[in-house]
Amino acid sequence: MQKTLLNRLARLWESSATRNFGWLLMERGVRLVLVTGVGFLVARHLGPDQLGLLSTALALVGCVVPLVELGLELTARRELIQHPHQGPVLMGTVGALRLSGGLVAAVLLVLVLWLSPVSPAEGRLVCILGITLFQPALCMADTWFQARLEARFSVLVRLAALFVGAMARIWLVARDAPLAAFAWVVAGEAALTAGLFMAVGRCQGLRYGGVDRRLAGRMLKESWPLLVAAVAVLLYMRIDVVMLRVMSGERAAGIYAAAMRFTEVWYFLPGALTASLLPRLLTGRNTGEAEYQQRLQQCYDLGVGLGYAISIPTALAAPILVRLGYGRGFEGAAPVVVWHAGSLVFVLLNAGKLQFLANEGKAHVHLLTTLAGLLANVSLNLVLIPRYGAVGAAAATLATQMMVAWGATFCFPRLRGNAWMQTRALLIPLRWPAYVFRR
C-alpha cells in the first residue's frame, strides 16, 4: 500500500500542472508568514477603530475591481492555451480593455465618494487606494505565465514586491506613522508589482500587439456574465465590512477585518487551482467524456480536501491564533474566525464549478447563482448583524458560500450530475482511505 501511494505521488509530481501549483503553494507559504506576521503588527499599531477605517476603504475599492478585470482572466488563459500564436494580439487587446475598465472604475469610485456620506479621512484613503485599480492592465504578464504553466516567474515577482511592502510596513510601525501612510504602502506595492511584471515579461519574450476589435468584442460577449458575477461575488465578500461599519461602527468592522486575515490569506487557492488544472481539464475534455468527468471529480476532491485541511485546524485554534496575533483588544475576533474558516471549503469547491461552467459555456449559471448569493448575503446581514455583530456577518458569509457553491447547483436540472460530484467531494473524509490506497 505504501509503495502504491508513493507511486501515485511520484506520477502526480511529474506533471507540469503540479509543479506549477507547487510554486504557487510555496508563494502562499511565504506570504502567509509575511502578510500574517506583519499584519498582526499593523493591526496592533492601528487598533480596531483605525483598522476598521482602512478595511472599509479597501472594501470600497475592492467592490469596483471586477470592472477592471472584466471577467476576462479565465477566457484569456483558455485562448492562450488553445491559440498560443495569437499571444501578442491577445495580450494587447486584454490589456487595453482592462485599462479602459480601470478608468471607468476610477470615475465610478469618485462618484460614490461624492454621493455617499463618507468622512474626509475615509475619502482620502479611498483615493490613495484607487491607484491600485490600474494594476491588472499592467500585470498581463501574470496571465501569460499562468497559461504557460510558468508560475515561478509570477511567484518571484509577487514575492519581491511583497517583501518590499512588508519592510515598509514594519518601518511605518516603528516610526508610529499615521493611517494614510499604510494606504500609500498598499498603492506603492501594487505599482512595484506591475513594474516588475512588465520587466520580467519582456525579458521572457512577452510582446504586446495591437488591439483587435473583433477579438475584444467576442471576449467581452463571452465574459460579461463572469464580469457581472464577479461584481456580485466581490460585493457579497466585501459588503460585510461596509455594512458592519454602517450598522455596528468602526470597531466591529475592525474586528471582522482582523478575523478575515486568517482565512483570506488562503483565497489565492481557487485561482491557483484553476490556473494549474485548466490545461489538464481541457485535455481530458478532448479525450472523452469519461476522462473529463474523472478529472473534474479530481479537481473537486483536491479543492475540498485542501479546504478541510486548512479550515478545521484554523477553527480549532482560533482563540489561540487571535490571542497570539492581535492581543486582548481583538478577543471578539475568535468566534468570527471559526465561522469564516468554514466558508473556505465552499470557496475552493466553487473554483472547480466555475471552471466547469466556463468550459461548457454556461457562465449564465454562475451569474444567476452569484446574484442570488448577493441578495441572500445582504438579507442575512440585515437580520444577523444588528443582533450578533461581526459573528452574524461571518455566519451570513458561510451560509452564502454554501448556497452559491453547492446548494444552488441542484436547482439546474442539467447540472445535477455535477452537483452530486460536488457532494461526493464534500464527503472526501469518508472516501480518503479508498482514494489513497486504490491500485
Protein backbone atom coordinates (compact mmCIF):
# COMPACT_ATOMS: atom_id res chain seq x y z
CA MET A 1 0.00 0.00 0.00
CA GLN A 2 2.81 2.40 0.89
CA LYS A 3 4.50 1.72 -2.45
CA THR A 4 1.22 2.37 -4.27
CA LEU A 5 0.80 5.74 -2.54
CA LEU A 6 4.41 6.75 -3.29
CA ASN A 7 3.99 5.81 -6.93
CA ARG A 8 0.81 7.89 -7.19
CA LEU A 9 2.57 10.89 -5.62
CA ALA A 10 5.56 10.49 -7.96
CA ARG A 11 3.34 10.40 -11.05
CA LEU A 12 1.44 13.42 -9.76
CA TRP A 13 4.64 15.46 -9.29
CA GLU A 14 5.84 14.63 -12.80
CA SER A 15 3.09 16.78 -14.31
CA SER A 16 3.85 20.41 -15.10
CA ALA A 17 0.48 21.40 -13.60
CA THR A 18 1.53 20.01 -10.22
CA ARG A 19 4.89 21.77 -10.33
CA ASN A 20 3.09 24.97 -11.26
CA PHE A 21 0.75 24.53 -8.31
CA GLY A 22 3.75 23.76 -6.09
CA TRP A 23 5.28 27.14 -6.91
CA LEU A 24 2.01 28.85 -6.05
CA LEU A 25 1.80 26.96 -2.75
CA MET A 26 5.35 27.99 -1.94
CA GLU A 27 4.43 31.61 -2.55
CA ARG A 28 1.44 31.28 -0.28
CA GLY A 29 3.60 29.80 2.45
CA VAL A 30 5.95 32.80 2.35
CA ARG A 31 3.02 35.20 2.02
CA LEU A 32 1.31 33.54 4.98
CA VAL A 33 4.33 34.26 7.18
CA LEU A 34 4.97 37.81 5.96
CA VAL A 35 1.42 39.09 5.50
CA THR A 36 0.05 37.49 8.64
CA GLY A 37 3.01 38.38 10.83
CA VAL A 38 3.31 41.96 9.60
CA GLY A 39 -0.49 42.24 9.56
CA PHE A 40 -0.52 41.48 13.29
CA LEU A 41 1.97 44.31 13.90
CA VAL A 42 -0.06 46.75 11.81
CA ALA A 43 -3.34 45.75 13.50
CA ARG A 44 -1.84 46.17 16.97
CA HIS A 45 -0.46 49.55 15.92
CA LEU A 46 -3.70 50.84 14.40
CA GLY A 47 -6.19 49.29 16.81
CA PRO A 48 -9.70 48.08 15.91
CA ASP A 49 -11.08 51.55 15.06
CA GLN A 50 -8.40 52.66 12.57
CA LEU A 51 -8.13 49.15 11.17
CA GLY A 52 -11.88 49.35 10.54
CA LEU A 53 -11.44 52.59 8.58
CA LEU A 54 -8.65 51.12 6.43
CA SER A 55 -10.58 47.91 5.87
CA THR A 56 -13.70 49.82 4.83
CA ALA A 57 -11.68 51.82 2.28
CA LEU A 58 -10.12 48.62 0.93
CA ALA A 59 -13.58 47.05 0.68
CA LEU A 60 -14.98 50.03 -1.26
CA VAL A 61 -12.11 49.89 -3.77
CA GLY A 62 -12.40 46.11 -3.97
CA CYS A 63 -16.06 46.36 -4.96
CA VAL A 64 -15.16 48.03 -8.30
CA VAL A 65 -12.13 45.83 -9.09
CA PRO A 66 -14.24 43.44 -11.26
CA LEU A 67 -14.95 46.38 -13.58
CA VAL A 68 -11.21 46.50 -14.21
CA GLU A 69 -10.65 42.77 -14.73
CA LEU A 70 -13.85 42.47 -16.82
CA GLY A 71 -14.14 38.75 -16.12
CA LEU A 72 -11.50 38.08 -18.78
CA GLU A 73 -8.97 36.05 -16.79
CA LEU A 74 -10.31 32.56 -17.48
CA THR A 75 -11.16 33.39 -21.10
CA ALA A 76 -7.72 34.90 -21.73
CA ARG A 77 -5.91 31.89 -20.28
CA ARG A 78 -8.01 29.48 -22.32
CA GLU A 79 -7.33 31.43 -25.52
CA LEU A 80 -3.59 31.49 -24.80
CA ILE A 81 -3.59 27.73 -24.25
CA GLN A 82 -5.63 26.90 -27.34
CA HIS A 83 -4.19 29.60 -29.67
CA PRO A 84 -0.67 30.46 -28.45
CA HIS A 85 0.22 32.09 -31.80
CA GLN A 86 -2.27 34.86 -31.04
CA GLY A 87 -0.46 35.77 -27.81
CA PRO A 88 0.73 39.33 -28.69
CA VAL A 89 -2.63 40.43 -30.09
CA LEU A 90 -4.49 38.83 -27.18
CA MET A 91 -2.24 40.50 -24.61
CA GLY A 92 -2.60 43.89 -26.27
CA THR A 93 -6.36 43.57 -26.56
CA VAL A 94 -6.98 42.40 -23.00
CA GLY A 95 -4.55 44.98 -21.62
CA ALA A 96 -6.37 47.79 -23.43
CA LEU A 97 -9.74 46.53 -22.21
CA ARG A 98 -8.52 46.44 -18.63
CA LEU A 99 -7.02 49.91 -18.88
CA SER A 100 -10.40 51.21 -20.06
CA GLY A 101 -12.07 49.33 -17.24
CA GLY A 102 -9.69 50.95 -14.75
CA LEU A 103 -10.68 54.41 -15.94
CA VAL A 104 -14.40 53.58 -15.67
CA ALA A 105 -13.90 52.11 -12.18
CA ALA A 106 -11.97 55.18 -11.02
CA VAL A 107 -14.75 57.51 -12.23
CA LEU A 108 -17.38 55.34 -10.53
CA LEU A 109 -15.39 55.40 -7.29
CA VAL A 110 -15.21 59.22 -7.38
CA LEU A 111 -19.00 59.37 -7.90
CA VAL A 112 -19.55 57.05 -4.93
CA LEU A 113 -17.39 59.26 -2.71
CA TRP A 114 -19.23 62.36 -3.88
CA LEU A 115 -22.72 60.97 -3.35
CA SER A 116 -22.20 58.95 -0.14
CA PRO A 117 -21.75 60.33 3.39
CA VAL A 118 -18.09 59.28 3.63
CA SER A 119 -15.87 61.08 6.11
CA PRO A 120 -12.91 63.11 4.74
CA ALA A 121 -10.46 60.62 6.26
CA GLU A 122 -12.14 57.69 4.54
CA GLY A 123 -12.31 59.64 1.28
CA ARG A 124 -8.55 60.27 1.31
CA LEU A 125 -7.87 56.58 1.96
CA VAL A 126 -10.13 55.52 -0.92
CA CYS A 127 -8.45 57.98 -3.31
CA ILE A 128 -4.99 56.67 -2.39
CA LEU A 129 -6.04 53.03 -2.73
CA GLY A 130 -7.76 53.82 -6.04
CA ILE A 131 -4.31 53.84 -7.66
CA THR A 132 -4.38 50.03 -7.48
CA LEU A 133 -7.23 49.92 -10.00
CA PHE A 134 -4.73 50.20 -12.86
CA GLN A 135 -2.62 47.25 -11.71
CA PRO A 136 -4.46 44.47 -13.66
CA ALA A 137 -3.87 46.24 -17.00
CA LEU A 138 -0.14 46.40 -16.27
CA CYS A 139 0.17 42.83 -14.97
CA MET A 140 -0.81 40.97 -18.14
CA ALA A 141 2.45 39.04 -17.89
CA ASP A 142 0.94 37.16 -14.94
CA THR A 143 -1.84 35.80 -17.17
CA TRP A 144 0.74 34.86 -19.80
CA PHE A 145 2.92 33.00 -17.30
CA GLN A 146 -0.06 31.16 -15.78
CA ALA A 147 -1.28 29.97 -19.19
CA ARG A 148 2.22 28.66 -20.00
CA LEU A 149 2.44 26.93 -16.59
CA GLU A 150 5.43 29.09 -15.70
CA ALA A 151 4.16 30.25 -12.34
CA ARG A 152 7.69 30.52 -10.96
CA PHE A 153 8.12 33.91 -12.66
CA SER A 154 4.83 35.21 -11.23
CA VAL A 155 5.75 33.89 -7.81
CA LEU A 156 9.17 35.56 -7.77
CA VAL A 157 7.72 38.89 -8.89
CA ARG A 158 4.97 38.89 -6.30
CA LEU A 159 7.29 37.79 -3.50
CA ALA A 160 9.77 40.56 -4.31
CA ALA A 161 7.03 43.20 -4.12
CA LEU A 162 5.59 41.54 -1.02
CA PHE A 163 8.94 41.66 0.78
CA VAL A 164 9.41 45.36 -0.01
CA GLY A 165 5.87 46.11 1.16
CA ALA A 166 6.37 44.15 4.39
CA MET A 167 9.59 46.01 5.20
CA ALA A 168 7.85 49.32 4.52
CA ARG A 169 5.01 48.46 6.90
CA ILE A 170 7.41 47.44 9.66
CA TRP A 171 9.26 50.75 9.20
CA LEU A 172 5.97 52.67 9.42
CA VAL A 173 5.02 50.88 12.65
CA ALA A 174 8.43 51.67 14.12
CA ARG A 175 8.00 55.34 13.13
CA ASP A 176 4.45 55.45 14.57
CA ALA A 177 3.18 56.55 11.14
CA PRO A 178 -0.40 57.76 10.54
CA LEU A 179 -3.10 55.70 8.87
CA ALA A 180 -2.73 57.27 5.42
CA ALA A 181 0.89 56.08 5.21
CA PHE A 182 -0.26 52.46 5.28
CA ALA A 183 -2.63 53.15 2.39
CA TRP A 184 0.28 54.60 0.41
CA VAL A 185 2.24 51.39 1.01
CA VAL A 186 -0.61 49.35 -0.49
CA ALA A 187 -0.62 51.58 -3.57
CA GLY A 188 3.18 51.50 -3.82
CA GLU A 189 3.30 47.72 -3.57
CA ALA A 190 0.76 47.46 -6.40
CA ALA A 191 2.83 49.81 -8.57
CA LEU A 192 6.02 47.86 -7.86
CA THR A 193 4.32 44.57 -8.72
CA ALA A 194 3.12 45.98 -12.05
CA GLY A 195 6.57 47.33 -12.93
CA LEU A 196 8.28 44.05 -12.14
CA PHE A 197 5.75 42.05 -14.18
CA MET A 198 6.29 44.30 -17.18
CA ALA A 199 10.08 43.97 -16.93
CA VAL A 200 10.18 40.20 -16.35
CA GLY A 201 7.56 39.54 -19.03
CA ARG A 202 9.59 41.48 -21.58
CA CYS A 203 12.77 39.58 -20.65
CA GLN A 204 10.93 36.27 -21.14
CA GLY A 205 9.71 37.19 -24.61
CA LEU A 206 6.26 38.62 -23.96
CA ARG A 207 5.25 41.08 -26.65
CA TYR A 208 2.13 43.20 -26.95
CA GLY A 209 0.32 43.55 -30.27
CA GLY A 210 -2.36 45.95 -31.38
CA VAL A 211 -5.98 45.93 -30.30
CA ASP A 212 -8.19 43.53 -32.27
CA ARG A 213 -11.72 44.91 -32.07
CA ARG A 214 -13.36 41.68 -33.20
CA LEU A 215 -11.43 39.69 -30.59
CA ALA A 216 -12.30 42.28 -27.94
CA GLY A 217 -15.99 42.10 -28.83
CA ARG A 218 -16.03 38.31 -28.83
CA MET A 219 -14.25 38.06 -25.47
CA LEU A 220 -16.47 40.68 -23.85
CA LYS A 221 -19.58 38.95 -25.18
CA GLU A 222 -18.40 35.67 -23.69
CA SER A 223 -17.14 37.06 -20.40
CA TRP A 224 -19.82 39.57 -19.45
CA PRO A 225 -21.74 37.05 -17.32
CA LEU A 226 -18.48 36.33 -15.49
CA LEU A 227 -17.97 40.08 -15.05
CA VAL A 228 -21.40 40.62 -13.51
CA ALA A 229 -20.91 37.51 -11.38
CA ALA A 230 -17.50 38.76 -10.23
CA VAL A 231 -19.10 42.05 -9.18
CA ALA A 232 -21.70 40.12 -7.21
CA VAL A 233 -19.02 37.92 -5.61
CA LEU A 234 -16.90 40.91 -4.61
CA LEU A 235 -19.94 42.67 -3.21
CA TYR A 236 -21.03 39.79 -1.01
CA MET A 237 -17.41 39.18 0.02
CA ARG A 238 -16.75 42.85 0.86
CA ILE A 239 -20.18 44.21 1.72
CA ASP A 240 -19.92 42.64 5.18
CA VAL A 241 -17.23 45.12 6.27
CA VAL A 242 -19.12 48.09 4.84
CA MET A 243 -22.43 47.02 6.43
CA LEU A 244 -20.71 46.40 9.76
CA ARG A 245 -19.13 49.86 9.58
CA VAL A 246 -22.54 51.45 8.98
CA MET A 247 -24.64 49.31 11.35
CA SER A 248 -22.23 48.49 14.19
CA GLY A 249 -19.39 51.02 13.97
CA GLU A 250 -15.69 51.09 13.16
CA ARG A 251 -14.69 48.71 15.94
CA ALA A 252 -16.95 45.88 14.68
CA ALA A 253 -15.58 46.37 11.17
CA GLY A 254 -12.03 46.24 12.52
CA ILE A 255 -12.72 43.04 14.49
CA TYR A 256 -14.21 41.40 11.41
CA ALA A 257 -11.32 42.51 9.17
CA ALA A 258 -8.81 41.13 11.66
CA ALA A 259 -10.59 37.75 11.74
CA MET A 260 -10.75 37.57 7.94
CA ARG A 261 -6.95 37.65 7.69
CA PHE A 262 -6.76 34.06 8.92
CA THR A 263 -8.89 32.79 6.01
CA GLU A 264 -8.44 35.37 3.25
CA VAL A 265 -4.75 34.58 3.13
CA TRP A 266 -5.79 31.30 1.50
CA TYR A 267 -8.08 32.83 -1.11
CA PHE A 268 -5.31 32.54 -3.70
CA LEU A 269 -6.01 28.78 -3.87
CA PRO A 270 -9.07 28.94 -6.18
CA GLY A 271 -7.16 30.93 -8.78
CA ALA A 272 -4.12 28.70 -8.40
CA LEU A 273 -6.21 25.56 -8.84
CA THR A 274 -7.95 26.79 -11.97
CA ALA A 275 -4.69 28.09 -13.50
CA SER A 276 -2.88 24.80 -12.89
CA LEU A 277 -5.71 22.38 -13.74
CA LEU A 278 -7.20 24.17 -16.76
CA PRO A 279 -4.83 22.55 -19.31
CA ARG A 280 -5.48 19.12 -17.79
CA LEU A 281 -9.25 19.61 -17.86
CA LEU A 282 -9.22 20.81 -21.47
CA THR A 283 -7.09 17.82 -22.49
CA GLY A 284 -9.47 15.44 -20.73
CA ARG A 285 -12.44 17.10 -22.42
CA ASN A 286 -10.89 16.47 -25.82
CA THR A 287 -10.04 12.86 -24.89
CA GLY A 288 -13.52 11.76 -23.94
CA GLU A 289 -16.42 12.32 -21.59
CA ALA A 290 -15.35 9.65 -19.10
CA GLU A 291 -11.85 11.07 -18.79
CA TYR A 292 -13.23 14.58 -18.46
CA GLN A 293 -15.63 13.58 -15.67
CA GLN A 294 -12.85 11.78 -13.82
CA ARG A 295 -10.55 14.79 -13.95
CA LEU A 296 -13.35 17.12 -12.91
CA GLN A 297 -14.05 14.93 -9.88
CA GLN A 298 -10.36 15.03 -9.02
CA CYS A 299 -10.49 18.83 -9.25
CA TYR A 300 -13.40 18.96 -6.81
CA ASP A 301 -11.70 16.46 -4.49
CA LEU A 302 -8.48 18.44 -4.43
CA GLY A 303 -10.24 21.74 -3.69
CA VAL A 304 -12.41 20.35 -0.90
CA GLY A 305 -9.54 18.35 0.57
CA LEU A 306 -7.40 21.48 0.80
CA GLY A 307 -10.35 23.35 2.29
CA TYR A 308 -10.81 20.81 5.08
CA ALA A 309 -7.06 20.65 5.74
CA ILE A 310 -6.93 24.42 6.31
CA SER A 311 -10.33 25.31 7.77
CA ILE A 312 -10.58 22.66 10.52
CA PRO A 313 -7.22 23.43 12.20
CA THR A 314 -7.87 27.16 11.82
CA ALA A 315 -11.27 26.92 13.51
CA LEU A 316 -9.96 24.75 16.37
CA ALA A 317 -7.01 27.06 17.02
CA ALA A 318 -8.95 30.32 16.58
CA PRO A 319 -8.75 31.56 20.20
CA ILE A 320 -5.03 30.90 20.38
CA LEU A 321 -4.36 32.44 16.96
CA VAL A 322 -6.26 35.62 17.81
CA ARG A 323 -4.62 35.96 21.22
CA LEU A 324 -1.12 35.46 19.86
CA GLY A 325 -1.67 37.57 16.77
CA TYR A 326 -3.65 40.56 17.97
CA GLY A 327 -3.74 40.58 21.76
CA ARG A 328 -6.63 41.32 24.09
CA GLY A 329 -8.01 44.20 22.04
CA PHE A 330 -9.25 41.76 19.39
CA GLU A 331 -10.61 38.91 21.54
CA GLY A 332 -14.01 39.17 19.85
CA ALA A 333 -12.43 38.02 16.57
CA ALA A 334 -12.08 34.34 17.65
CA PRO A 335 -15.71 33.24 17.03
CA VAL A 336 -15.66 35.18 13.76
CA VAL A 337 -12.62 33.14 12.65
CA VAL A 338 -14.48 29.90 13.45
CA TRP A 339 -17.44 30.79 11.22
CA HIS A 340 -15.37 32.34 8.48
CA ALA A 341 -12.99 29.36 8.26
CA GLY A 342 -15.84 27.07 7.23
CA SER A 343 -16.52 29.17 4.14
CA LEU A 344 -13.08 28.31 2.73
CA VAL A 345 -14.24 24.77 1.86
CA PHE A 346 -17.01 26.14 -0.35
CA VAL A 347 -14.81 28.86 -1.87
CA LEU A 348 -12.49 26.10 -3.10
CA LEU A 349 -15.39 23.92 -4.20
CA ASN A 350 -16.72 26.81 -6.25
CA ALA A 351 -13.39 27.15 -8.09
CA GLY A 352 -13.86 23.78 -9.77
CA LYS A 353 -17.51 24.54 -10.52
CA LEU A 354 -16.60 27.86 -12.14
CA GLN A 355 -14.02 26.18 -14.36
CA PHE A 356 -16.60 23.58 -15.44
CA LEU A 357 -19.17 26.27 -16.28
CA ALA A 358 -16.60 28.29 -18.26
CA ASN A 359 -15.54 25.19 -20.23
CA GLU A 360 -19.14 24.30 -21.03
CA GLY A 361 -20.22 27.83 -21.97
CA LYS A 362 -22.65 28.04 -19.03
CA ALA A 363 -21.40 31.26 -17.47
CA HIS A 364 -25.00 32.42 -17.10
CA VAL A 365 -25.46 29.80 -14.36
CA HIS A 366 -22.61 31.32 -12.38
CA LEU A 367 -24.17 34.74 -12.90
CA LEU A 368 -27.57 33.66 -11.59
CA THR A 369 -26.17 31.86 -8.55
CA THR A 370 -23.88 34.71 -7.54
CA LEU A 371 -26.63 37.31 -7.90
CA ALA A 372 -28.81 35.11 -5.70
CA GLY A 373 -25.87 34.84 -3.30
CA LEU A 374 -25.51 38.61 -3.13
CA LEU A 375 -29.21 39.01 -2.34
CA ALA A 376 -29.03 36.29 0.31
CA ASN A 377 -25.90 37.74 1.90
CA VAL A 378 -27.32 41.26 2.19
CA SER A 379 -30.61 39.90 3.56
CA LEU A 380 -28.85 37.73 6.13
CA ASN A 381 -26.59 40.61 7.15
CA LEU A 382 -29.60 42.85 7.75
CA VAL A 383 -31.05 40.20 10.07
CA LEU A 384 -27.89 38.93 11.81
CA ILE A 385 -25.61 41.98 12.17
CA PRO A 386 -27.91 44.00 14.47
CA ARG A 387 -28.20 41.02 16.82
CA TYR A 388 -24.83 39.27 16.57
CA GLY A 389 -22.48 41.90 15.08
CA ALA A 390 -19.34 40.58 13.41
CA VAL A 391 -20.22 36.96 14.23
CA GLY A 392 -23.52 37.37 12.39
CA ALA A 393 -21.72 38.72 9.33
CA ALA A 394 -19.38 35.69 9.34
CA ALA A 395 -22.32 33.28 9.65
CA ALA A 396 -24.02 35.04 6.73
CA THR A 397 -20.86 34.60 4.65
CA LEU A 398 -20.70 30.87 5.38
CA ALA A 399 -24.37 30.35 4.51
CA THR A 400 -23.99 32.35 1.29
CA GLN A 401 -20.88 30.48 0.15
CA MET A 402 -22.57 27.14 0.82
CA MET A 403 -25.60 28.16 -1.22
CA VAL A 404 -23.65 29.60 -4.17
CA ALA A 405 -21.01 26.87 -4.47
CA TRP A 406 -23.12 23.80 -3.78
CA GLY A 407 -26.81 24.15 -2.97
CA ALA A 408 -27.74 26.27 -5.99
CA THR A 409 -26.22 23.71 -8.39
CA PHE A 410 -29.13 21.34 -7.63
CA CYS A 411 -31.56 23.97 -8.94
CA PHE A 412 -30.43 23.41 -12.55
CA PRO A 413 -31.58 20.03 -13.94
CA ARG A 414 -28.69 19.75 -16.41
CA LEU A 415 -26.15 20.35 -13.63
CA ARG A 416 -27.45 17.93 -11.03
CA GLY A 417 -24.90 15.34 -12.05
CA ASN A 418 -22.24 17.93 -11.33
CA ALA A 419 -23.93 18.72 -8.02
CA TRP A 420 -23.65 15.07 -6.98
CA MET A 421 -19.96 15.17 -7.90
CA GLN A 422 -19.59 18.13 -5.55
CA THR A 423 -21.45 16.22 -2.84
CA ARG A 424 -19.07 13.30 -3.33
CA ALA A 425 -16.17 15.71 -2.91
CA LEU A 426 -17.63 17.10 0.33
CA LEU A 427 -17.66 13.52 1.64
CA ILE A 428 -13.97 13.05 0.91
CA PRO A 429 -13.06 12.43 4.59
CA LEU A 430 -15.10 9.21 4.32
CA ARG A 431 -13.55 8.32 0.93
CA TRP A 432 -9.95 9.18 1.72
CA PRO A 433 -8.68 5.67 2.68
CA ALA A 434 -10.06 4.12 -0.51
CA TYR A 435 -8.71 7.03 -2.58
CA VAL A 436 -5.17 6.78 -1.18
CA PHE A 437 -4.72 3.00 -1.31
CA ARG A 438 -6.59 2.34 -4.56
CA ARG A 439 -4.46 0.39 -7.01
